[in-house]
PDB file of N, CA and C in Angstrom:
ATOM      1  N   MET A   1       0.836  -1.175   0.000  1.00  0.00           N
ATOM      2  CA  MET A   1       0.000   0.000   0.000  1.00  0.00           C
ATOM      3  C   MET A   1       0.883   1.241   0.000  1.00  0.00           C
ATOM      4  N   ASP A   2       0.517   2.192  -0.813  1.00  0.00           N
ATOM      5  CA  ASP A   2       1.374   3.359  -0.976  1.00  0.00           C
ATOM      6  C   ASP A   2       0.994   4.532  -0.079  1.00  0.00           C
ATOM      7  N   GLY A   3       0.030   4.364   0.826  1.00  0.00           N
ATOM      8  CA  GLY A   3      -0.334   5.422   1.752  1.00  0.00           C
ATOM      9  C   GLY A   3      -1.176   6.524   1.141  1.00  0.00           C
ATOM     10  N   LYS A   4      -1.688   6.308  -0.059  1.00  0.00           N
ATOM     11  CA  LYS A   4      -2.492   7.315  -0.739  1.00  0.00           C
ATOM     12  C   LYS A   4      -3.903   7.342  -0.131  1.00  0.00           C
ATOM     13  N   ILE A   5      -4.435   8.512   0.087  1.00  0.00           N
ATOM     14  CA  ILE A   5      -5.792   8.678   0.601  1.00  0.00           C
ATOM     15  C   ILE A   5      -6.706   9.044  -0.554  1.00  0.00           C
ATOM     16  N   ILE A   6      -7.831   8.357  -0.638  1.00  0.00           N
ATOM     17  CA  ILE A   6      -8.808   8.640  -1.681  1.00  0.00           C
ATOM     18  C   ILE A   6     -10.089   9.126  -1.015  1.00  0.00           C
ATOM     19  N   VAL A   7     -10.565  10.280  -1.436  1.00  0.00           N
ATOM     20  CA  VAL A   7     -11.804  10.835  -0.911  1.00  0.00           C
ATOM     21  C   VAL A   7     -12.939  10.423  -1.838  1.00  0.00           C
ATOM     22  N   MET A   8     -13.907   9.710  -1.277  1.00  0.00           N
ATOM     23  CA  MET A   8     -15.075   9.303  -2.059  1.00  0.00           C
ATOM     24  C   MET A   8     -16.078  10.452  -2.014  1.00  0.00           C
ATOM     25  N   ASP A   9     -16.107  11.261  -3.066  1.00  0.00           N
ATOM     26  CA  ASP A   9     -16.975  12.437  -3.056  1.00  0.00           C
ATOM     27  C   ASP A   9     -18.092  12.363  -4.095  1.00  0.00           C
ATOM     28  N   HIS A  10     -18.436  11.154  -4.512  1.00  0.00           N
ATOM     29  CA  HIS A  10     -19.526  10.983  -5.468  1.00  0.00           C
ATOM     30  C   HIS A  10     -20.825  11.485  -4.837  1.00  0.00           C
ATOM     31  N   PRO A  11     -21.682  12.166  -5.592  1.00  0.00           N
ATOM     32  CA  PRO A  11     -22.923  12.711  -5.033  1.00  0.00           C
ATOM     33  C   PRO A  11     -23.821  11.650  -4.375  1.00  0.00           C
ATOM     34  N   LEU A  12     -23.893  10.454  -4.925  1.00  0.00           N
ATOM     35  CA  LEU A  12     -24.720   9.416  -4.312  1.00  0.00           C
ATOM     36  C   LEU A  12     -24.170   8.994  -2.953  1.00  0.00           C
ATOM     37  N   ILE A  13     -22.850   8.896  -2.855  1.00  0.00           N
ATOM     38  CA  ILE A  13     -22.239   8.543  -1.574  1.00  0.00           C
ATOM     39  C   ILE A  13     -22.473   9.663  -0.570  1.00  0.00           C
ATOM     40  N   GLN A  14     -22.307  10.904  -0.979  1.00  0.00           N
ATOM     41  CA  GLN A  14     -22.526  12.038  -0.085  1.00  0.00           C
ATOM     42  C   GLN A  14     -23.975  12.076   0.409  1.00  0.00           C
ATOM     43  N   HIS A  15     -24.921  11.822  -0.489  1.00  0.00           N
ATOM     44  CA  HIS A  15     -26.335  11.817  -0.123  1.00  0.00           C
ATOM     45  C   HIS A  15     -26.627  10.728   0.905  1.00  0.00           C
ATOM     46  N   LYS A  16     -26.141   9.531   0.648  1.00  0.00           N
ATOM     47  CA  LYS A  16     -26.396   8.417   1.564  1.00  0.00           C
ATOM     48  C   LYS A  16     -25.697   8.626   2.907  1.00  0.00           C
ATOM     49  N   LEU A  17     -24.534   9.256   2.889  1.00  0.00           N
ATOM     50  CA  LEU A  17     -23.862   9.581   4.153  1.00  0.00           C
ATOM     51  C   LEU A  17     -24.673  10.568   4.988  1.00  0.00           C
ATOM     52  N   SER A  18     -25.312  11.533   4.323  1.00  0.00           N
ATOM     53  CA  SER A  18     -26.122  12.492   5.082  1.00  0.00           C
ATOM     54  C   SER A  18     -27.336  11.802   5.697  1.00  0.00           C
ATOM     55  N   LEU A  19     -27.938  10.853   4.978  1.00  0.00           N
ATOM     56  CA  LEU A  19     -29.046  10.082   5.551  1.00  0.00           C
ATOM     57  C   LEU A  19     -28.558   9.213   6.698  1.00  0.00           C
ATOM     58  N   LEU A  20     -27.371   8.634   6.525  1.00  0.00           N
ATOM     59  CA  LEU A  20     -26.787   7.772   7.552  1.00  0.00           C
ATOM     60  C   LEU A  20     -26.520   8.543   8.841  1.00  0.00           C
ATOM     61  N   ARG A  21     -26.090   9.780   8.721  1.00  0.00           N
ATOM     62  CA  ARG A  21     -25.725  10.606   9.881  1.00  0.00           C
ATOM     63  C   ARG A  21     -26.931  11.201  10.613  1.00  0.00           C
ATOM     64  N   ASP A  22     -28.080  11.215   9.953  1.00  0.00           N
ATOM     65  CA  ASP A  22     -29.283  11.805  10.539  1.00  0.00           C
ATOM     66  C   ASP A  22     -29.721  11.004  11.760  1.00  0.00           C
ATOM     67  N   GLU A  23     -29.928  11.680  12.873  1.00  0.00           N
ATOM     68  CA  GLU A  23     -30.304  10.975  14.104  1.00  0.00           C
ATOM     69  C   GLU A  23     -31.686  10.326  13.999  1.00  0.00           C
ATOM     70  N   ALA A  24     -32.492  10.734  13.017  1.00  0.00           N
ATOM     71  CA  ALA A  24     -33.817  10.147  12.839  1.00  0.00           C
ATOM     72  C   ALA A  24     -33.775   8.827  12.056  1.00  0.00           C
ATOM     73  N   THR A  25     -32.617   8.458  11.529  1.00  0.00           N
ATOM     74  CA  THR A  25     -32.488   7.207  10.765  1.00  0.00           C
ATOM     75  C   THR A  25     -32.552   6.027  11.723  1.00  0.00           C
ATOM     76  N   ASN A  26     -33.499   5.113  11.431  1.00  0.00           N
ATOM     77  CA  ASN A  26     -33.636   3.944  12.303  1.00  0.00           C
ATOM     78  C   ASN A  26     -32.575   2.891  11.979  1.00  0.00           C
ATOM     79  N   VAL A  27     -32.499   1.863  12.812  1.00  0.00           N
ATOM     80  CA  VAL A  27     -31.453   0.836  12.685  1.00  0.00           C
ATOM     81  C   VAL A  27     -31.538   0.117  11.340  1.00  0.00           C
ATOM     82  N   LYS A  28     -32.738  -0.249  10.907  1.00  0.00           N
ATOM     83  CA  LYS A  28     -32.901  -0.968   9.640  1.00  0.00           C
ATOM     84  C   LYS A  28     -32.378  -0.130   8.475  1.00  0.00           C
ATOM     85  N   ASN A  29     -32.807   1.125   8.411  1.00  0.00           N
ATOM     86  CA  ASN A  29     -32.339   2.001   7.328  1.00  0.00           C
ATOM     87  C   ASN A  29     -30.847   2.280   7.424  1.00  0.00           C
ATOM     88  N   PHE A  30     -30.333   2.393   8.642  1.00  0.00           N
ATOM     89  CA  PHE A  30     -28.900   2.613   8.838  1.00  0.00           C
ATOM     90  C   PHE A  30     -28.101   1.477   8.212  1.00  0.00           C
ATOM     91  N   ARG A  31     -28.493   0.253   8.496  1.00  0.00           N
ATOM     92  CA  ARG A  31     -27.771  -0.906   7.953  1.00  0.00           C
ATOM     93  C   ARG A  31     -27.892  -0.992   6.438  1.00  0.00           C
ATOM     94  N   GLU A  32     -29.061  -0.676   5.916  1.00  0.00           N
ATOM     95  CA  GLU A  32     -29.239  -0.659   4.457  1.00  0.00           C
ATOM     96  C   GLU A  32     -28.348   0.395   3.812  1.00  0.00           C
ATOM     97  N   LEU A  33     -28.280   1.562   4.431  1.00  0.00           N
ATOM     98  CA  LEU A  33     -27.439   2.637   3.905  1.00  0.00           C
ATOM     99  C   LEU A  33     -25.960   2.264   3.933  1.00  0.00           C
ATOM    100  N   VAL A  34     -25.520   1.621   5.000  1.00  0.00           N
ATOM    101  CA  VAL A  34     -24.121   1.182   5.089  1.00  0.00           C
ATOM    102  C   VAL A  34     -23.815   0.219   3.950  1.00  0.00           C
ATOM    103  N   SER A  35     -24.722  -0.708   3.693  1.00  0.00           N
ATOM    104  CA  SER A  35     -24.523  -1.671   2.603  1.00  0.00           C
ATOM    105  C   SER A  35     -24.476  -0.965   1.246  1.00  0.00           C
ATOM    106  N   GLU A  36     -25.375  -0.022   1.031  1.00  0.00           N
ATOM    107  CA  GLU A  36     -25.406   0.717  -0.236  1.00  0.00           C
ATOM    108  C   GLU A  36     -24.144   1.556  -0.423  1.00  0.00           C
ATOM    109  N   ILE A  37     -23.695   2.204   0.634  1.00  0.00           N
ATOM    110  CA  ILE A  37     -22.469   3.010   0.556  1.00  0.00           C
ATOM    111  C   ILE A  37     -21.266   2.127   0.237  1.00  0.00           C
ATOM    112  N   ALA A  38     -21.193   0.961   0.882  1.00  0.00           N
ATOM    113  CA  ALA A  38     -20.087   0.038   0.607  1.00  0.00           C
ATOM    114  C   ALA A  38     -20.094  -0.389  -0.861  1.00  0.00           C
ATOM    115  N   MET A  39     -21.277  -0.667  -1.411  1.00  0.00           N
ATOM    116  CA  MET A  39     -21.373  -1.072  -2.813  1.00  0.00           C
ATOM    117  C   MET A  39     -20.914   0.052  -3.735  1.00  0.00           C
ATOM    118  N   LEU A  40     -21.322   1.284  -3.440  1.00  0.00           N
ATOM    119  CA  LEU A  40     -20.903   2.425  -4.256  1.00  0.00           C
ATOM    120  C   LEU A  40     -19.402   2.663  -4.151  1.00  0.00           C
ATOM    121  N   MET A  41     -18.839   2.449  -2.966  1.00  0.00           N
ATOM    122  CA  MET A  41     -17.395   2.629  -2.788  1.00  0.00           C
ATOM    123  C   MET A  41     -16.605   1.606  -3.603  1.00  0.00           C
ATOM    124  N   VAL A  42     -17.051   0.355  -3.603  1.00  0.00           N
ATOM    125  CA  VAL A  42     -16.372  -0.677  -4.393  1.00  0.00           C
ATOM    126  C   VAL A  42     -16.490  -0.351  -5.880  1.00  0.00           C
ATOM    127  N   TYR A  43     -17.666   0.078  -6.303  1.00  0.00           N
ATOM    128  CA  TYR A  43     -17.867   0.452  -7.705  1.00  0.00           C
ATOM    129  C   TYR A  43     -16.880   1.545  -8.114  1.00  0.00           C
ATOM    130  N   ASP A  44     -16.745   2.558  -7.286  1.00  0.00           N
ATOM    131  CA  ASP A  44     -15.830   3.657  -7.593  1.00  0.00           C
ATOM    132  C   ASP A  44     -14.367   3.221  -7.512  1.00  0.00           C
ATOM    133  N   ALA A  45     -14.042   2.386  -6.527  1.00  0.00           N
ATOM    134  CA  ALA A  45     -12.652   1.944  -6.334  1.00  0.00           C
ATOM    135  C   ALA A  45     -12.169   1.022  -7.449  1.00  0.00           C
ATOM    136  N   THR A  46     -13.085   0.347  -8.120  1.00  0.00           N
ATOM    137  CA  THR A  46     -12.686  -0.598  -9.170  1.00  0.00           C
ATOM    138  C   THR A  46     -12.692   0.029 -10.564  1.00  0.00           C
ATOM    139  N   ARG A  47     -12.866   1.326 -10.629  1.00  0.00           N
ATOM    140  CA  ARG A  47     -12.956   2.024 -11.918  1.00  0.00           C
ATOM    141  C   ARG A  47     -11.770   1.754 -12.849  1.00  0.00           C
ATOM    142  N   ASP A  48     -10.570   1.623 -12.296  1.00  0.00           N
ATOM    143  CA  ASP A  48      -9.361   1.515 -13.118  1.00  0.00           C
ATOM    144  C   ASP A  48      -8.778   0.101 -13.184  1.00  0.00           C
ATOM    145  N   LEU A  49      -9.568  -0.917 -12.878  1.00  0.00           N
ATOM    146  CA  LEU A  49      -9.049  -2.289 -12.957  1.00  0.00           C
ATOM    147  C   LEU A  49      -8.696  -2.631 -14.406  1.00  0.00           C
ATOM    148  N   PRO A  50      -7.614  -3.376 -14.606  1.00  0.00           N
ATOM    149  CA  PRO A  50      -7.223  -3.730 -15.974  1.00  0.00           C
ATOM    150  C   PRO A  50      -8.195  -4.733 -16.589  1.00  0.00           C
ATOM    151  N   LEU A  51      -8.401  -4.585 -17.898  1.00  0.00           N
ATOM    152  CA  LEU A  51      -9.287  -5.475 -18.644  1.00  0.00           C
ATOM    153  C   LEU A  51      -8.510  -6.196 -19.726  1.00  0.00           C
ATOM    154  N   SER A  52      -9.014  -7.352 -20.119  1.00  0.00           N
ATOM    155  CA  SER A  52      -8.442  -8.071 -21.252  1.00  0.00           C
ATOM    156  C   SER A  52      -9.577  -8.372 -22.233  1.00  0.00           C
ATOM    157  N   ASP A  53      -9.201  -8.619 -23.476  1.00  0.00           N
ATOM    158  CA  ASP A  53     -10.186  -8.916 -24.523  1.00  0.00           C
ATOM    159  C   ASP A  53     -10.621 -10.368 -24.447  1.00  0.00           C
ATOM    160  N   LYS A  54     -11.884 -10.597 -24.799  1.00  0.00           N
ATOM    161  CA  LYS A  54     -12.419 -11.952 -24.820  1.00  0.00           C
ATOM    162  C   LYS A  54     -13.485 -12.028 -25.904  1.00  0.00           C
ATOM    163  N   LYS A  55     -13.454 -13.105 -26.652  1.00  0.00           N
ATOM    164  CA  LYS A  55     -14.485 -13.339 -27.672  1.00  0.00           C
ATOM    165  C   LYS A  55     -15.582 -14.188 -27.034  1.00  0.00           C
ATOM    166  N   VAL A  56     -16.832 -13.754 -27.239  1.00  0.00           N
ATOM    167  CA  VAL A  56     -17.976 -14.436 -26.648  1.00  0.00           C
ATOM    168  C   VAL A  56     -18.941 -14.806 -27.753  1.00  0.00           C
ATOM    169  N   LYS A  57     -19.397 -16.057 -27.728  1.00  0.00           N
ATOM    170  CA  LYS A  57     -20.380 -16.513 -28.703  1.00  0.00           C
ATOM    171  C   LYS A  57     -21.763 -16.097 -28.221  1.00  0.00           C
ATOM    172  N   THR A  58     -22.453 -15.303 -29.024  1.00  0.00           N
ATOM    173  CA  THR A  58     -23.792 -14.836 -28.695  1.00  0.00           C
ATOM    174  C   THR A  58     -24.775 -15.391 -29.727  1.00  0.00           C
ATOM    175  N   PRO A  59     -26.068 -15.254 -29.505  1.00  0.00           N
ATOM    176  CA  PRO A  59     -27.037 -15.706 -30.505  1.00  0.00           C
ATOM    177  C   PRO A  59     -26.889 -14.992 -31.843  1.00  0.00           C
ATOM    178  N   CYS A  60     -26.279 -13.824 -31.839  1.00  0.00           N
ATOM    179  CA  CYS A  60     -26.114 -13.054 -33.078  1.00  0.00           C
ATOM    180  C   CYS A  60     -24.726 -13.228 -33.696  1.00  0.00           C
ATOM    181  N   GLY A  61     -23.858 -14.026 -33.109  1.00  0.00           N
ATOM    182  CA  GLY A  61     -22.509 -14.228 -33.630  1.00  0.00           C
ATOM    183  C   GLY A  61     -21.466 -14.034 -32.539  1.00  0.00           C
ATOM    184  N   ILE A  62     -20.230 -13.830 -32.972  1.00  0.00           N
ATOM    185  CA  ILE A  62     -19.120 -13.637 -32.047  1.00  0.00           C
ATOM    186  C   ILE A  62     -18.997 -12.148 -31.709  1.00  0.00           C
ATOM    187  N   ALA A  63     -18.898 -11.849 -30.398  1.00  0.00           N
ATOM    188  CA  ALA A  63     -18.760 -10.468 -29.951  1.00  0.00           C
ATOM    189  C   ALA A  63     -17.414 -10.301 -29.262  1.00  0.00           C
ATOM    190  N   ASP A  64     -16.757  -9.183 -29.533  1.00  0.00           N
ATOM    191  CA  ASP A  64     -15.531  -8.837 -28.825  1.00  0.00           C
ATOM    192  C   ASP A  64     -15.928  -8.150 -27.524  1.00  0.00           C
ATOM    193  N   CYS A  65     -15.561  -8.743 -26.406  1.00  0.00           N
ATOM    194  CA  CYS A  65     -15.952  -8.237 -25.086  1.00  0.00           C
ATOM    195  C   CYS A  65     -14.715  -7.987 -24.227  1.00  0.00           C
ATOM    196  N   LYS A  66     -14.946  -7.460 -23.067  1.00  0.00           N
ATOM    197  CA  LYS A  66     -13.886  -7.216 -22.085  1.00  0.00           C
ATOM    198  C   LYS A  66     -14.186  -8.012 -20.829  1.00  0.00           C
ATOM    199  N   GLN A  67     -13.133  -8.430 -20.134  1.00  0.00           N
ATOM    200  CA  GLN A  67     -13.273  -9.073 -18.832  1.00  0.00           C
ATOM    201  C   GLN A  67     -12.118  -8.620 -17.954  1.00  0.00           C
ATOM    202  N   LEU A  68     -12.295  -8.778 -16.654  1.00  0.00           N
ATOM    203  CA  LEU A  68     -11.237  -8.380 -15.737  1.00  0.00           C
ATOM    204  C   LEU A  68      -9.989  -9.215 -15.977  1.00  0.00           C
ATOM    205  N   ALA A  69      -8.864  -8.550 -16.033  1.00  0.00           N
ATOM    206  CA  ALA A  69      -7.588  -9.237 -16.248  1.00  0.00           C
ATOM    207  C   ALA A  69      -6.939  -9.498 -14.892  1.00  0.00           C
ATOM    208  N   GLY A  70      -6.163 -10.542 -14.826  1.00  0.00           N
ATOM    209  CA  GLY A  70      -5.414 -10.793 -13.603  1.00  0.00           C
ATOM    210  C   GLY A  70      -6.144 -11.676 -12.624  1.00  0.00           C
ATOM    211  N   ARG A  71      -5.716 -11.569 -11.361  1.00  0.00           N
ATOM    212  CA  ARG A  71      -6.236 -12.426 -10.302  1.00  0.00           C
ATOM    213  C   ARG A  71      -7.629 -12.018  -9.858  1.00  0.00           C
ATOM    214  N   LYS A  72      -8.283 -12.930  -9.151  1.00  0.00           N
ATOM    215  CA  LYS A  72      -9.579 -12.616  -8.564  1.00  0.00           C
ATOM    216  C   LYS A  72      -9.382 -11.664  -7.398  1.00  0.00           C
ATOM    217  N   LEU A  73     -10.389 -10.843  -7.159  1.00  0.00           N
ATOM    218  CA  LEU A  73     -10.313  -9.831  -6.109  1.00  0.00           C
ATOM    219  C   LEU A  73     -11.396 -10.063  -5.069  1.00  0.00           C
ATOM    220  N   ALA A  74     -11.143  -9.616  -3.879  1.00  0.00           N
ATOM    221  CA  ALA A  74     -12.153  -9.593  -2.826  1.00  0.00           C
ATOM    222  C   ALA A  74     -12.100  -8.233  -2.165  1.00  0.00           C
ATOM    223  N   PHE A  75     -13.256  -7.625  -1.975  1.00  0.00           N
ATOM    224  CA  PHE A  75     -13.333  -6.333  -1.304  1.00  0.00           C
ATOM    225  C   PHE A  75     -14.099  -6.526  -0.009  1.00  0.00           C
ATOM    226  N   VAL A  76     -13.522  -6.064   1.064  1.00  0.00           N
ATOM    227  CA  VAL A  76     -14.136  -6.202   2.384  1.00  0.00           C
ATOM    228  C   VAL A  76     -14.268  -4.809   2.979  1.00  0.00           C
ATOM    229  N   PRO A  77     -15.489  -4.282   3.015  1.00  0.00           N
ATOM    230  CA  PRO A  77     -15.660  -2.962   3.612  1.00  0.00           C
ATOM    231  C   PRO A  77     -15.583  -3.031   5.131  1.00  0.00           C
ATOM    232  N   ILE A  78     -14.929  -2.048   5.701  1.00  0.00           N
ATOM    233  CA  ILE A  78     -14.874  -1.949   7.153  1.00  0.00           C
ATOM    234  C   ILE A  78     -15.474  -0.599   7.513  1.00  0.00           C
ATOM    235  N   LEU A  79     -16.734  -0.643   7.888  1.00  0.00           N
ATOM    236  CA  LEU A  79     -17.473   0.579   8.195  1.00  0.00           C
ATOM    237  C   LEU A  79     -17.969   0.518   9.634  1.00  0.00           C
ATOM    238  N   ARG A  80     -18.379   1.630  10.140  1.00  0.00           N
ATOM    239  CA  ARG A  80     -18.731   1.777  11.546  1.00  0.00           C
ATOM    240  C   ARG A  80     -19.707   0.722  12.054  1.00  0.00           C
ATOM    241  N   ALA A  81     -20.778   0.445  11.349  1.00  0.00           N
ATOM    242  CA  ALA A  81     -21.789  -0.487  11.844  1.00  0.00           C
ATOM    243  C   ALA A  81     -21.617  -1.884  11.274  1.00  0.00           C
ATOM    244  N   GLY A  82     -20.634  -2.057  10.433  1.00  0.00           N
ATOM    245  CA  GLY A  82     -20.453  -3.352   9.784  1.00  0.00           C
ATOM    246  C   GLY A  82     -21.572  -3.607   8.792  1.00  0.00           C
ATOM    247  N   LEU A  83     -21.562  -4.785   8.215  1.00  0.00           N
ATOM    248  CA  LEU A  83     -22.603  -5.149   7.269  1.00  0.00           C
ATOM    249  C   LEU A  83     -23.375  -6.299   7.845  1.00  0.00           C
TER     250      LEU A  83
END
């Protein structure tokens, strides 16, 4: 790890964080929001993953597609309330 800090400032994440911080948010909604925020964070964090080309047989013929290159990944969010 290179010690780089990344600020997740996407509008959807900011919106869900404001709902999460609201004292009127009940436990059920809090947990749902934590899960949604974690999903958005992974989506944003994986933006630059390397891709490789792959040919896929479809009902209409062969399509040139992309797939993740390299090893399999696992993302484990560590947030205040857990998942």
